[in-house]
Amino acid sequence: MHSMTEKIIKPDDKIVEVLAEFPVGAGPFPTLILAPGLRYDMHRPVIAQIASHLLL
């Protein structure tokens, strides 16, 4: 698996951190966006578990 984190600056100058994970191989790969929201960040266990199961 290959991971990368990007910080995106929105037009209102807020910064959004995006974590992209890709399975091994050349692709193309289908896309699924998990957007947990303000109070449940992307590093919490449920989001991490869902992401790891999707990349199997």
C-alpha atoms as a PDB file:
ATOM      1  CA  MET A   1       0.000   0.000   0.000  1.00  0.00           C
ATOM      2  CA  HIS A   2       1.185   3.517  -0.801  1.00  0.00           C
ATOM      3  CA  SER A   3       0.044   6.527   1.278  1.00  0.00           C
ATOM      4  CA  MET A   4       0.427  10.246   0.856  1.00  0.00           C
ATOM      5  CA  THR A   5      -0.852  13.238   2.814  1.00  0.00           C
ATOM      6  CA  GLU A   6      -1.591  16.596   1.215  1.00  0.00           C
ATOM      7  CA  LYS A   7      -2.670  19.892   2.731  1.00  0.00           C
ATOM      8  CA  ILE A   8      -5.135  21.798   0.589  1.00  0.00           C
ATOM      9  CA  ILE A   9      -5.851  25.496   1.150  1.00  0.00           C
ATOM     10  CA  LYS A  10      -9.495  26.315   0.505  1.00  0.00           C
ATOM     11  CA  PRO A  11     -10.655  29.692  -0.898  1.00  0.00           C
ATOM     12  CA  ASP A  12     -11.588  30.776   2.658  1.00  0.00           C
ATOM     13  CA  ASP A  13      -7.921  30.137   3.697  1.00  0.00           C
ATOM     14  CA  LYS A  14      -8.812  27.088   5.804  1.00  0.00           C
ATOM     15  CA  ILE A  15      -6.452  24.137   5.471  1.00  0.00           C
ATOM     16  CA  VAL A  16      -7.834  20.659   4.828  1.00  0.00           C
ATOM     17  CA  GLU A  17      -5.594  17.633   5.308  1.00  0.00           C
ATOM     18  CA  VAL A  18      -6.199  14.836   2.808  1.00  0.00           C
ATOM     19  CA  LEU A  19      -4.868  11.299   3.231  1.00  0.00           C
ATOM     20  CA  ALA A  20      -4.750   9.183   0.070  1.00  0.00           C
ATOM     21  CA  GLU A  21      -3.993   5.463   0.190  1.00  0.00           C
ATOM     22  CA  PHE A  22      -3.462   3.276  -2.866  1.00  0.00           C
ATOM     23  CA  PRO A  23      -3.153  -0.507  -3.186  1.00  0.00           C
ATOM     24  CA  VAL A  24      -0.048  -1.989  -4.776  1.00  0.00           C
ATOM     25  CA  GLY A  25      -0.095  -2.070  -8.580  1.00  0.00           C
ATOM     26  CA  ALA A  26      -0.372   0.166 -11.593  1.00  0.00           C
ATOM     27  CA  GLY A  27      -4.101   0.901 -11.356  1.00  0.00           C
ATOM     28  CA  PRO A  28      -6.452   2.364 -12.377  1.00  0.00           C
ATOM     29  CA  PHE A  29      -8.235   2.081  -9.034  1.00  0.00           C
ATOM     30  CA  PRO A  30     -11.837   2.849  -8.074  1.00  0.00           C
ATOM     31  CA  THR A  31     -12.251   5.802  -5.700  1.00  0.00           C
ATOM     32  CA  LEU A  32     -14.089   6.014  -2.407  1.00  0.00           C
ATOM     33  CA  ILE A  33     -13.992   9.154  -0.293  1.00  0.00           C
ATOM     34  CA  LEU A  34     -14.365   8.826   3.489  1.00  0.00           C
ATOM     35  CA  ALA A  35     -15.121  12.226   4.997  1.00  0.00           C
ATOM     36  CA  PRO A  36     -15.476  11.843   8.764  1.00  0.00           C
ATOM     37  CA  GLY A  37     -16.174  15.506   9.570  1.00  0.00           C
ATOM     38  CA  LEU A  38     -15.040  17.983  12.193  1.00  0.00           C
ATOM     39  CA  ARG A  39     -15.471  16.005  15.393  1.00  0.00           C
ATOM     40  CA  TYR A  40     -14.317  12.598  14.191  1.00  0.00           C
ATOM     41  CA  ASP A  41     -10.976  12.998  12.428  1.00  0.00           C
ATOM     42  CA  MET A  42      -9.442  10.649   9.850  1.00  0.00           C
ATOM     43  CA  HIS A  43      -7.042   9.055  12.350  1.00  0.00           C
ATOM     44  CA  ARG A  44      -9.752   7.570  14.580  1.00  0.00           C
ATOM     45  CA  PRO A  45     -10.093   3.768  14.741  1.00  0.00           C
ATOM     46  CA  VAL A  46     -13.352   3.357  12.799  1.00  0.00           C
ATOM     47  CA  ILE A  47     -12.121   5.354   9.808  1.00  0.00           C
ATOM     48  CA  ALA A  48      -8.730   3.587   9.852  1.00  0.00           C
ATOM     49  CA  GLN A  49     -10.388   0.149  10.020  1.00  0.00           C
ATOM     50  CA  ILE A  50     -12.785   0.901   7.165  1.00  0.00           C
ATOM     51  CA  ALA A  51      -9.932   2.211   5.020  1.00  0.00           C
ATOM     52  CA  SER A  52      -7.735  -0.823   5.693  1.00  0.00           C
ATOM     53  CA  HIS A  53     -10.561  -3.244   4.800  1.00  0.00           C
ATOM     54  CA  LEU A  54     -11.272  -1.399   1.566  1.00  0.00           C
ATOM     55  CA  LEU A  55      -7.647  -1.709   0.463  1.00  0.00           C
ATOM     56  CA  LEU A  56      -7.496  -5.511   0.760  1.00  0.00           C
END
